[in-house]
Amino acid sequence: FETLYEVVEHYNWSVKPHPNLGGSLRVASTDGLAIRET
């Protein structure tokens, strides 16, 4: 990831369902965080 925006966008919508995900990230991998652009 070249920018902070890419990092934030990964956690917002792009977390992949790895078997060792932690609890918060497991939720993000299924439903996303739905953080709006602003």
PDB file of all heavy atoms in Angstrom:
ATOM      1  N   PHE A   1       0.844  -1.196   0.000  1.00  0.00           N
ATOM      2  CA  PHE A   1       0.000   0.000   0.000  1.00  0.00           C
ATOM      3  C   PHE A   1       0.877   1.243   0.000  1.00  0.00           C
ATOM      4  O   PHE A   1       1.723   1.418   0.869  1.00  0.00           O
ATOM      5  CB  PHE A   1      -0.922   0.009   1.219  1.00  0.00           C
ATOM      6  CG  PHE A   1      -1.916  -1.108   1.255  1.00  0.00           C
ATOM      7  CD1 PHE A   1      -2.231  -1.734   2.456  1.00  0.00           C
ATOM      8  CD2 PHE A   1      -2.536  -1.544   0.100  1.00  0.00           C
ATOM      9  CE1 PHE A   1      -3.158  -2.770   2.495  1.00  0.00           C
ATOM     10  CE2 PHE A   1      -3.460  -2.582   0.127  1.00  0.00           C
ATOM     11  CZ  PHE A   1      -3.768  -3.201   1.328  1.00  0.00           C
ATOM     12  N   GLU A   2       0.635   2.120  -0.959  1.00  0.00           N
ATOM     13  CA  GLU A   2       1.470   3.303  -1.118  1.00  0.00           C
ATOM     14  C   GLU A   2       0.956   4.504  -0.327  1.00  0.00           C
ATOM     15  O   GLU A   2       1.715   5.431  -0.059  1.00  0.00           O
ATOM     16  CB  GLU A   2       1.579   3.673  -2.601  1.00  0.00           C
ATOM     17  CG  GLU A   2       2.297   2.613  -3.433  1.00  0.00           C
ATOM     18  CD  GLU A   2       2.456   3.034  -4.881  1.00  0.00           C
ATOM     19  OE1 GLU A   2       2.000   4.157  -5.224  1.00  0.00           O
ATOM     20  OE2 GLU A   2       3.029   2.263  -5.667  1.00  0.00           O
ATOM     21  N   THR A   3      -0.307   4.504   0.039  1.00  0.00           N
ATOM     22  CA  THR A   3      -0.891   5.665   0.711  1.00  0.00           C
ATOM     23  C   THR A   3      -1.690   5.236   1.933  1.00  0.00           C
ATOM     24  O   THR A   3      -2.151   4.084   2.040  1.00  0.00           O
ATOM     25  CB  THR A   3      -1.835   6.436  -0.238  1.00  0.00           C
ATOM     26  OG1 THR A   3      -2.977   5.616  -0.520  1.00  0.00           O
ATOM     27  CG2 THR A   3      -1.124   6.810  -1.527  1.00  0.00           C
ATOM     28  N   LEU A   4      -1.894   6.189   2.848  1.00  0.00           N
ATOM     29  CA  LEU A   4      -2.738   5.935   4.007  1.00  0.00           C
ATOM     30  C   LEU A   4      -4.183   5.665   3.587  1.00  0.00           C
ATOM     31  O   LEU A   4      -4.889   4.881   4.232  1.00  0.00           O
ATOM     32  CB  LEU A   4      -2.695   7.127   4.965  1.00  0.00           C
ATOM     33  CG  LEU A   4      -1.552   7.151   5.973  1.00  0.00           C
ATOM     34  CD1 LEU A   4      -1.598   8.441   6.791  1.00  0.00           C
ATOM     35  CD2 LEU A   4      -1.618   5.942   6.890  1.00  0.00           C
ATOM     36  N   TYR A   5      -4.615   6.300   2.523  1.00  0.00           N
ATOM     37  CA  TYR A   5      -5.978   6.059   2.051  1.00  0.00           C
ATOM     38  C   TYR A   5      -6.167   4.588   1.689  1.00  0.00           C
ATOM     39  O   TYR A   5      -7.195   3.982   2.018  1.00  0.00           O
ATOM     40  CB  TYR A   5      -6.299   6.943   0.845  1.00  0.00           C
ATOM     41  CG  TYR A   5      -7.728   6.808   0.381  1.00  0.00           C
ATOM     42  CD1 TYR A   5      -8.734   7.608   0.923  1.00  0.00           C
ATOM     43  CD2 TYR A   5      -8.083   5.854  -0.571  1.00  0.00           C
ATOM     44  CE1 TYR A   5     -10.056   7.469   0.518  1.00  0.00           C
ATOM     45  CE2 TYR A   5      -9.405   5.706  -0.983  1.00  0.00           C
ATOM     46  CZ  TYR A   5     -10.384   6.516  -0.429  1.00  0.00           C
ATOM     47  OH  TYR A   5     -11.697   6.369  -0.825  1.00  0.00           O
ATOM     48  N   GLU A   6      -5.185   3.988   1.031  1.00  0.00           N
ATOM     49  CA  GLU A   6      -5.284   2.570   0.678  1.00  0.00           C
ATOM     50  C   GLU A   6      -5.363   1.698   1.925  1.00  0.00           C
ATOM     51  O   GLU A   6      -6.092   0.703   1.956  1.00  0.00           O
ATOM     52  CB  GLU A   6      -4.082   2.155  -0.176  1.00  0.00           C
ATOM     53  CG  GLU A   6      -4.041   2.735  -1.563  1.00  0.00           C
ATOM     54  CD  GLU A   6      -2.781   2.308  -2.309  1.00  0.00           C
ATOM     55  OE1 GLU A   6      -2.760   1.176  -2.827  1.00  0.00           O
ATOM     56  OE2 GLU A   6      -1.812   3.088  -2.345  1.00  0.00           O
ATOM     57  N   VAL A   7      -4.594   2.060   2.959  1.00  0.00           N
ATOM     58  CA  VAL A   7      -4.620   1.289   4.203  1.00  0.00           C
ATOM     59  C   VAL A   7      -6.008   1.360   4.838  1.00  0.00           C
ATOM     60  O   VAL A   7      -6.592   0.338   5.227  1.00  0.00           O
ATOM     61  CB  VAL A   7      -3.552   1.814   5.188  1.00  0.00           C
ATOM     62  CG1 VAL A   7      -3.666   1.094   6.524  1.00  0.00           C
ATOM     63  CG2 VAL A   7      -2.152   1.634   4.612  1.00  0.00           C
ATOM     64  N   VAL A   8      -6.552   2.576   4.950  1.00  0.00           N
ATOM     65  CA  VAL A   8      -7.871   2.745   5.547  1.00  0.00           C
ATOM     66  C   VAL A   8      -8.929   2.010   4.727  1.00  0.00           C
ATOM     67  O   VAL A   8      -9.823   1.346   5.271  1.00  0.00           O
ATOM     68  CB  VAL A   8      -8.213   4.247   5.674  1.00  0.00           C
ATOM     69  CG1 VAL A   8      -9.669   4.437   6.078  1.00  0.00           C
ATOM     70  CG2 VAL A   8      -7.282   4.914   6.681  1.00  0.00           C
ATOM     71  N   GLU A   9      -8.835   2.097   3.419  1.00  0.00           N
ATOM     72  CA  GLU A   9      -9.818   1.443   2.559  1.00  0.00           C
ATOM     73  C   GLU A   9      -9.744  -0.079   2.687  1.00  0.00           C
ATOM     74  O   GLU A   9     -10.767  -0.774   2.602  1.00  0.00           O
ATOM     75  CB  GLU A   9      -9.613   1.864   1.105  1.00  0.00           C
ATOM     76  CG  GLU A   9     -10.693   1.407   0.148  1.00  0.00           C
ATOM     77  CD  GLU A   9     -12.080   1.933   0.507  1.00  0.00           C
ATOM     78  OE1 GLU A   9     -12.205   2.883   1.299  1.00  0.00           O
ATOM     79  OE2 GLU A   9     -13.062   1.367  -0.008  1.00  0.00           O
ATOM     80  N   HIS A  10      -8.531  -0.600   2.911  1.00  0.00           N
ATOM     81  CA  HIS A  10      -8.412  -2.049   3.143  1.00  0.00           C
ATOM     82  C   HIS A  10      -9.251  -2.469   4.346  1.00  0.00           C
ATOM     83  O   HIS A  10     -10.034  -3.427   4.269  1.00  0.00           O
ATOM     84  CB  HIS A  10      -6.949  -2.435   3.374  1.00  0.00           C
ATOM     85  CG  HIS A  10      -6.788  -3.775   4.023  1.00  0.00           C
ATOM     86  ND1 HIS A  10      -7.082  -4.961   3.374  1.00  0.00           N
ATOM     87  CD2 HIS A  10      -6.408  -4.121   5.295  1.00  0.00           C
ATOM     88  CE1 HIS A  10      -6.879  -5.979   4.195  1.00  0.00           C
ATOM     89  NE2 HIS A  10      -6.464  -5.499   5.361  1.00  0.00           N
ATOM     90  N   TYR A  11      -9.093  -1.778   5.468  1.00  0.00           N
ATOM     91  CA  TYR A  11      -9.841  -2.154   6.667  1.00  0.00           C
ATOM     92  C   TYR A  11     -11.325  -1.839   6.530  1.00  0.00           C
ATOM     93  O   TYR A  11     -12.168  -2.478   7.173  1.00  0.00           O
ATOM     94  CB  TYR A  11      -9.251  -1.455   7.892  1.00  0.00           C
ATOM     95  CG  TYR A  11      -7.892  -1.999   8.260  1.00  0.00           C
ATOM     96  CD1 TYR A  11      -6.746  -1.232   8.087  1.00  0.00           C
ATOM     97  CD2 TYR A  11      -7.749  -3.292   8.764  1.00  0.00           C
ATOM     98  CE1 TYR A  11      -5.496  -1.736   8.403  1.00  0.00           C
ATOM     99  CE2 TYR A  11      -6.503  -3.799   9.085  1.00  0.00           C
ATOM    100  CZ  TYR A  11      -5.378  -3.020   8.897  1.00  0.00           C
ATOM    101  OH  TYR A  11      -4.147  -3.535   9.200  1.00  0.00           O
ATOM    102  N   ASN A  12     -11.656  -0.895   5.690  1.00  0.00           N
ATOM    103  CA  ASN A  12     -13.059  -0.516   5.522  1.00  0.00           C
ATOM    104  C   ASN A  12     -13.840  -1.569   4.748  1.00  0.00           C
ATOM    105  O   ASN A  12     -14.949  -1.940   5.140  1.00  0.00           O
ATOM    106  CB  ASN A  12     -13.134   0.829   4.796  1.00  0.00           C
ATOM    107  CG  ASN A  12     -14.513   1.456   4.868  1.00  0.00           C
ATOM    108  OD1 ASN A  12     -15.221   1.311   5.852  1.00  0.00           O
ATOM    109  ND2 ASN A  12     -14.886   2.176   3.817  1.00  0.00           N
ATOM    110  N   TRP A  13     -13.239  -2.090   3.641  1.00  0.00           N
ATOM    111  CA  TRP A  13     -14.006  -2.981   2.770  1.00  0.00           C
ATOM    112  C   TRP A  13     -13.255  -4.216   2.271  1.00  0.00           C
ATOM    113  O   TRP A  13     -13.883  -5.113   1.702  1.00  0.00           O
ATOM    114  CB  TRP A  13     -14.489  -2.221   1.527  1.00  0.00           C
ATOM    115  CG  TRP A  13     -15.569  -1.219   1.774  1.00  0.00           C
ATOM    116  CD1 TRP A  13     -15.502   0.126   1.589  1.00  0.00           C
ATOM    117  CD2 TRP A  13     -16.892  -1.483   2.263  1.00  0.00           C
ATOM    118  NE1 TRP A  13     -16.679   0.732   1.931  1.00  0.00           N
ATOM    119  CE2 TRP A  13     -17.570  -0.241   2.348  1.00  0.00           C
ATOM    120  CE3 TRP A  13     -17.577  -2.632   2.647  1.00  0.00           C
ATOM    121  CZ2 TRP A  13     -18.882  -0.118   2.789  1.00  0.00           C
ATOM    122  CZ3 TRP A  13     -18.881  -2.507   3.086  1.00  0.00           C
ATOM    123  CH2 TRP A  13     -19.525  -1.272   3.149  1.00  0.00           C
ATOM    124  N   SER A  14     -11.942  -4.310   2.458  1.00  0.00           N
ATOM    125  CA  SER A  14     -11.169  -5.315   1.714  1.00  0.00           C
ATOM    126  C   SER A  14     -10.511  -6.382   2.575  1.00  0.00           C
ATOM    127  O   SER A  14      -9.624  -7.089   2.108  1.00  0.00           O
ATOM    128  CB  SER A  14     -10.089  -4.607   0.877  1.00  0.00           C
ATOM    129  OG  SER A  14     -10.668  -3.658   0.010  1.00  0.00           O
ATOM    130  N   VAL A  15     -10.890  -6.505   3.842  1.00  0.00           N
ATOM    131  CA  VAL A  15     -10.300  -7.531   4.698  1.00  0.00           C
ATOM    132  C   VAL A  15     -10.720  -8.911   4.194  1.00  0.00           C
ATOM    133  O   VAL A  15     -11.911  -9.198   4.069  1.00  0.00           O
ATOM    134  CB  VAL A  15     -10.727  -7.340   6.163  1.00  0.00           C
ATOM    135  CG1 VAL A  15     -10.196  -8.485   7.041  1.00  0.00           C
ATOM    136  CG2 VAL A  15     -10.221  -6.005   6.694  1.00  0.00           C
ATOM    137  N   LYS A  16      -9.742  -9.773   3.913  1.00  0.00           N
ATOM    138  CA  LYS A  16     -10.022 -11.114   3.388  1.00  0.00           C
ATOM    139  C   LYS A  16     -10.240 -12.098   4.549  1.00  0.00           C
ATOM    140  O   LYS A  16      -9.673 -11.932   5.626  1.00  0.00           O
ATOM    141  CB  LYS A  16      -8.867 -11.577   2.494  1.00  0.00           C
ATOM    142  CG  LYS A  16      -8.680 -10.720   1.247  1.00  0.00           C
ATOM    143  CD  LYS A  16      -7.521 -11.235   0.405  1.00  0.00           C
ATOM    144  CE  LYS A  16      -7.406 -10.471  -0.909  1.00  0.00           C
ATOM    145  NZ  LYS A  16      -7.101  -9.045  -0.695  1.00  0.00           N
ATOM    146  N   PRO A  17     -11.001 -13.131   4.336  1.00  0.00           N
ATOM    147  CA  PRO A  17     -11.366 -14.053   5.420  1.00  0.00           C
ATOM    148  C   PRO A  17     -10.259 -15.058   5.762  1.00  0.00           C
ATOM    149  O   PRO A  17     -10.412 -16.270   5.555  1.00  0.00           O
ATOM    150  CB  PRO A  17     -12.606 -14.748   4.871  1.00  0.00           C
ATOM    151  CG  PRO A  17     -12.409 -14.742   3.387  1.00  0.00           C
ATOM    152  CD  PRO A  17     -11.724 -13.441   3.076  1.00  0.00           C
ATOM    153  N   HIS A  18      -9.175 -14.562   6.306  1.00  0.00           N
ATOM    154  CA  HIS A  18      -8.091 -15.444   6.742  1.00  0.00           C
ATOM    155  C   HIS A  18      -8.533 -16.199   7.997  1.00  0.00           C
ATOM    156  O   HIS A  18      -9.213 -15.628   8.864  1.00  0.00           O
ATOM    157  CB  HIS A  18      -6.838 -14.607   7.039  1.00  0.00           C
ATOM    158  CG  HIS A  18      -5.599 -15.417   7.223  1.00  0.00           C
ATOM    159  ND1 HIS A  18      -5.328 -16.116   8.377  1.00  0.00           N
ATOM    160  CD2 HIS A  18      -4.549 -15.637   6.393  1.00  0.00           C
ATOM    161  CE1 HIS A  18      -4.166 -16.728   8.255  1.00  0.00           C
ATOM    162  NE2 HIS A  18      -3.670 -16.451   7.056  1.00  0.00           N
ATOM    163  N   PRO A  19      -8.172 -17.481   8.156  1.00  0.00           N
ATOM    164  CA  PRO A  19      -8.635 -18.246   9.325  1.00  0.00           C
ATOM    165  C   PRO A  19      -8.136 -17.719  10.658  1.00  0.00           C
ATOM    166  O   PRO A  19      -8.733 -18.020  11.703  1.00  0.00           O
ATOM    167  CB  PRO A  19      -8.099 -19.660   9.056  1.00  0.00           C
ATOM    168  CG  PRO A  19      -7.014 -19.496   8.040  1.00  0.00           C
ATOM    169  CD  PRO A  19      -7.414 -18.320   7.208  1.00  0.00           C
ATOM    170  N   ASN A  20      -7.055 -16.938  10.671  1.00  0.00           N
ATOM    171  CA  ASN A  20      -6.513 -16.441  11.935  1.00  0.00           C
ATOM    172  C   ASN A  20      -6.855 -14.989  12.219  1.00  0.00           C
ATOM    173  O   ASN A  20      -6.220 -14.353  13.067  1.00  0.00           O
ATOM    174  CB  ASN A  20      -4.982 -16.630  11.957  1.00  0.00           C
ATOM    175  CG  ASN A  20      -4.584 -18.083  12.098  1.00  0.00           C
ATOM    176  OD1 ASN A  20      -5.333 -18.886  12.645  1.00  0.00           O
ATOM    177  ND2 ASN A  20      -3.413 -18.439  11.581  1.00  0.00           N
ATOM    178  N   LEU A  21      -7.859 -14.456  11.548  1.00  0.00           N
ATOM    179  CA  LEU A  21      -8.283 -13.086  11.822  1.00  0.00           C
ATOM    180  C   LEU A  21      -8.737 -12.935  13.269  1.00  0.00           C
ATOM    181  O   LEU A  21      -9.369 -13.836  13.834  1.00  0.00           O
ATOM    182  CB  LEU A  21      -9.451 -12.687  10.906  1.00  0.00           C
ATOM    183  CG  LEU A  21      -9.148 -12.390   9.446  1.00  0.00           C
ATOM    184  CD1 LEU A  21     -10.450 -12.079   8.722  1.00  0.00           C
ATOM    185  CD2 LEU A  21      -8.173 -11.239   9.299  1.00  0.00           C
ATOM    186  N   GLY A  22      -8.459 -11.758  13.857  1.00  0.00           N
ATOM    187  CA  GLY A  22      -8.985 -11.442  15.172  1.00  0.00           C
ATOM    188  C   GLY A  22     -10.452 -11.081  15.104  1.00  0.00           C
ATOM    189  O   GLY A  22     -11.034 -10.921  14.019  1.00  0.00           O
ATOM    190  N   GLY A  23     -11.070 -10.915  16.280  1.00  0.00           N
ATOM    191  CA  GLY A  23     -12.511 -10.689  16.353  1.00  0.00           C
ATOM    192  C   GLY A  23     -12.994  -9.488  15.574  1.00  0.00           C
ATOM    193  O   GLY A  23     -13.933  -9.583  14.765  1.00  0.00           O
ATOM    194  N   SER A  24     -12.390  -8.319  15.776  1.00  0.00           N
ATOM    195  CA  SER A  24     -12.834  -7.103  15.092  1.00  0.00           C
ATOM    196  C   SER A  24     -12.652  -7.226  13.589  1.00  0.00           C
ATOM    197  O   SER A  24     -13.512  -6.809  12.794  1.00  0.00           O
ATOM    198  CB  SER A  24     -12.055  -5.888  15.613  1.00  0.00           C
ATOM    199  OG  SER A  24     -12.345  -5.645  16.969  1.00  0.00           O
ATOM    200  N   LEU A  25     -11.539  -7.826  13.174  1.00  0.00           N
ATOM    201  CA  LEU A  25     -11.276  -7.960  11.744  1.00  0.00           C
ATOM    202  C   LEU A  25     -12.162  -9.032  11.119  1.00  0.00           C
ATOM    203  O   LEU A  25     -12.483  -8.960   9.929  1.00  0.00           O
ATOM    204  CB  LEU A  25      -9.799  -8.285  11.513  1.00  0.00           C
ATOM    205  CG  LEU A  25      -8.819  -7.153  11.831  1.00  0.00           C
ATOM    206  CD1 LEU A  25      -7.384  -7.601  11.623  1.00  0.00           C
ATOM    207  CD2 LEU A  25      -9.110  -5.929  10.968  1.00  0.00           C
ATOM    208  N   ARG A  26     -12.582 -10.010  11.907  1.00  0.00           N
ATOM    209  CA  ARG A  26     -13.486 -11.024  11.377  1.00  0.00           C
ATOM    210  C   ARG A  26     -14.816 -10.388  10.998  1.00  0.00           C
ATOM    211  O   ARG A  26     -15.414 -10.704   9.965  1.00  0.00           O
ATOM    212  CB  ARG A  26     -13.680 -12.127  12.423  1.00  0.00           C
ATOM    213  CG  ARG A  26     -14.280 -13.407  11.847  1.00  0.00           C
ATOM    214  CD  ARG A  26     -14.227 -14.557  12.851  1.00  0.00           C
ATOM    215  NE  ARG A  26     -12.847 -14.973  13.097  1.00  0.00           N
ATOM    216  CZ  ARG A  26     -12.274 -15.000  14.307  1.00  0.00           C
ATOM    217  NH1 ARG A  26     -12.971 -14.626  15.365  1.00  0.00           N
ATOM    218  NH2 ARG A  26     -11.042 -15.408  14.449  1.00  0.00           N
ATOM    219  N   VAL A  27     -15.285  -9.453  11.824  1.00  0.00           N
ATOM    220  CA  VAL A  27     -16.516  -8.721  11.495  1.00  0.00           C
ATOM    221  C   VAL A  27     -16.302  -7.887  10.237  1.00  0.00           C
ATOM    222  O   VAL A  27     -17.155  -7.844   9.340  1.00  0.00           O
ATOM    223  CB  VAL A  27     -16.935  -7.826  12.675  1.00  0.00           C
ATOM    224  CG1 VAL A  27     -18.098  -6.930  12.279  1.00  0.00           C
ATOM    225  CG2 VAL A  27     -17.307  -8.676  13.884  1.00  0.00           C
ATOM    226  N   ALA A  28     -15.138  -7.224  10.143  1.00  0.00           N
ATOM    227  CA  ALA A  28     -14.846  -6.379   8.976  1.00  0.00           C
ATOM    228  C   ALA A  28     -14.780  -7.199   7.696  1.00  0.00           C
ATOM    229  O   ALA A  28     -15.138  -6.714   6.617  1.00  0.00           O
ATOM    230  CB  ALA A  28     -13.533  -5.627   9.194  1.00  0.00           C
ATOM    231  N   SER A  29     -14.325  -8.452   7.798  1.00  0.00           N
ATOM    232  CA  SER A  29     -14.195  -9.275   6.590  1.00  0.00           C
ATOM    233  C   SER A  29     -15.549  -9.699   6.039  1.00  0.00           C
ATOM    234  O   SER A  29     -15.668 -10.003   4.849  1.00  0.00           O
ATOM    235  CB  SER A  29     -13.347 -10.518   6.893  1.00  0.00           C
ATOM    236  OG  SER A  29     -14.057 -11.445   7.711  1.00  0.00           O
ATOM    237  N   THR A  30     -16.569  -9.719   6.872  1.00  0.00           N
ATOM    238  CA  THR A  30     -17.902 -10.130   6.405  1.00  0.00           C
ATOM    239  C   THR A  30     -18.809  -8.948   6.089  1.00  0.00           C
ATOM    240  O   THR A  30     -19.509  -8.944   5.075  1.00  0.00           O
ATOM    241  CB  THR A  30     -18.584 -11.021   7.466  1.00  0.00           C
ATOM    242  OG1 THR A  30     -18.629 -10.319   8.712  1.00  0.00           O
ATOM    243  CG2 THR A  30     -17.812 -12.318   7.651  1.00  0.00           C
ATOM    244  N   ASP A  31     -18.791  -7.944   6.924  1.00  0.00           N
ATOM    245  CA  ASP A  31     -19.726  -6.828   6.755  1.00  0.00           C
ATOM    246  C   ASP A  31     -19.061  -5.516   6.362  1.00  0.00           C
ATOM    247  O   ASP A  31     -19.748  -4.564   5.982  1.00  0.00           O
ATOM    248  CB  ASP A  31     -20.507  -6.601   8.058  1.00  0.00           C
ATOM    249  CG  ASP A  31     -21.294  -7.827   8.475  1.00  0.00           C
ATOM    250  OD1 ASP A  31     -21.760  -8.563   7.578  1.00  0.00           O
ATOM    251  OD2 ASP A  31     -21.423  -8.055   9.686  1.00  0.00           O
ATOM    252  N   GLY A  32     -17.727  -5.443   6.476  1.00  0.00           N
ATOM    253  CA  GLY A  32     -17.061  -4.166   6.262  1.00  0.00           C
ATOM    254  C   GLY A  32     -17.332  -3.213   7.410  1.00  0.00           C
ATOM    255  O   GLY A  32     -18.149  -3.489   8.297  1.00  0.00           O
ATOM    256  N   LEU A  33     -16.659  -2.099   7.426  1.00  0.00           N
ATOM    257  CA  LEU A  33     -16.869  -1.094   8.467  1.00  0.00           C
ATOM    258  C   LEU A  33     -17.791   0.020   8.017  1.00  0.00           C
ATOM    259  O   LEU A  33     -18.336   0.753   8.840  1.00  0.00           O
ATOM    260  CB  LEU A  33     -15.519  -0.488   8.890  1.00  0.00           C
ATOM    261  CG  LEU A  33     -14.529  -1.463   9.532  1.00  0.00           C
ATOM    262  CD1 LEU A  33     -13.208  -0.756   9.840  1.00  0.00           C
ATOM    263  CD2 LEU A  33     -15.106  -2.083  10.799  1.00  0.00           C
ATOM    264  N   ALA A  34     -17.948   0.158   6.721  1.00  0.00           N
ATOM    265  CA  ALA A  34     -18.878   1.144   6.145  1.00  0.00           C
ATOM    266  C   ALA A  34     -18.579   2.562   6.612  1.00  0.00           C
ATOM    267  O   ALA A  34     -19.493   3.342   6.906  1.00  0.00           O
ATOM    268  CB  ALA A  34     -20.321   0.765   6.465  1.00  0.00           C
ATOM    269  N   ILE A  35     -17.306   2.907   6.677  1.00  0.00           N
ATOM    270  CA  ILE A  35     -16.925   4.281   7.020  1.00  0.00           C
ATOM    271  C   ILE A  35     -17.125   5.155   5.789  1.00  0.00           C
ATOM    272  O   ILE A  35     -16.603   4.855   4.713  1.00  0.00           O
ATOM    273  CB  ILE A  35     -15.463   4.342   7.485  1.00  0.00           C
ATOM    274  CG1 ILE A  35     -15.244   3.429   8.697  1.00  0.00           C
ATOM    275  CG2 ILE A  35     -15.063   5.776   7.825  1.00  0.00           C
ATOM    276  CD1 ILE A  35     -13.784   3.322   9.124  1.00  0.00           C
ATOM    277  N   ARG A  36     -17.864   6.215   5.945  1.00  0.00           N
ATOM    278  CA  ARG A  36     -18.134   7.072   4.799  1.00  0.00           C
ATOM    279  C   ARG A  36     -16.893   7.872   4.416  1.00  0.00           C
ATOM    280  O   ARG A  36     -15.950   8.012   5.190  1.00  0.00           O
ATOM    281  CB  ARG A  36     -19.309   7.995   5.088  1.00  0.00           C
ATOM    282  CG  ARG A  36     -19.097   8.915   6.262  1.00  0.00           C
ATOM    283  CD  ARG A  36     -20.353   9.694   6.586  1.00  0.00           C
ATOM    284  NE  ARG A  36     -20.143  10.605   7.707  1.00  0.00           N
ATOM    285  CZ  ARG A  36     -21.092  11.373   8.206  1.00  0.00           C
ATOM    286  NH1 ARG A  36     -22.309  11.350   7.689  1.00  0.00           N
ATOM    287  NH2 ARG A  36     -20.817  12.186   9.224  1.00  0.00           N
ATOM    288  N   GLU A  37     -16.926   8.447   3.223  1.00  0.00           N
ATOM    289  CA  GLU A  37     -15.732   9.078   2.651  1.00  0.00           C
ATOM    290  C   GLU A  37     -15.206  10.218   3.518  1.00  0.00           C
ATOM    291  O   GLU A  37     -13.998  10.331   3.745  1.00  0.00           O
ATOM    292  CB  GLU A  37     -16.050   9.584   1.244  1.00  0.00           C
ATOM    293  CG  GLU A  37     -14.814   9.798   0.367  1.00  0.00           C
ATOM    294  CD  GLU A  37     -14.126   8.493  -0.008  1.00  0.00           C
ATOM    295  OE1 GLU A  37     -14.771   7.425   0.037  1.00  0.00           O
ATOM    296  OE2 GLU A  37     -12.925   8.546  -0.331  1.00  0.00           O
ATOM    297  N   THR A  38     -16.096  11.072   4.009  1.00  0.00           N
ATOM    298  CA  THR A  38     -15.633  12.200   4.817  1.00  0.00           C
ATOM    299  C   THR A  38     -14.986  11.725   6.118  1.00  0.00           C
ATOM    300  O   THR A  38     -14.039  12.346   6.614  1.00  0.00           O
ATOM    301  CB  THR A  38     -16.803  13.151   5.144  1.00  0.00           C
ATOM    302  OG1 THR A  38     -17.855  12.410   5.766  1.00  0.00           O
ATOM    303  CG2 THR A  38     -17.311  13.834   3.883  1.00  0.00           C
TER     304      THR A  38
END
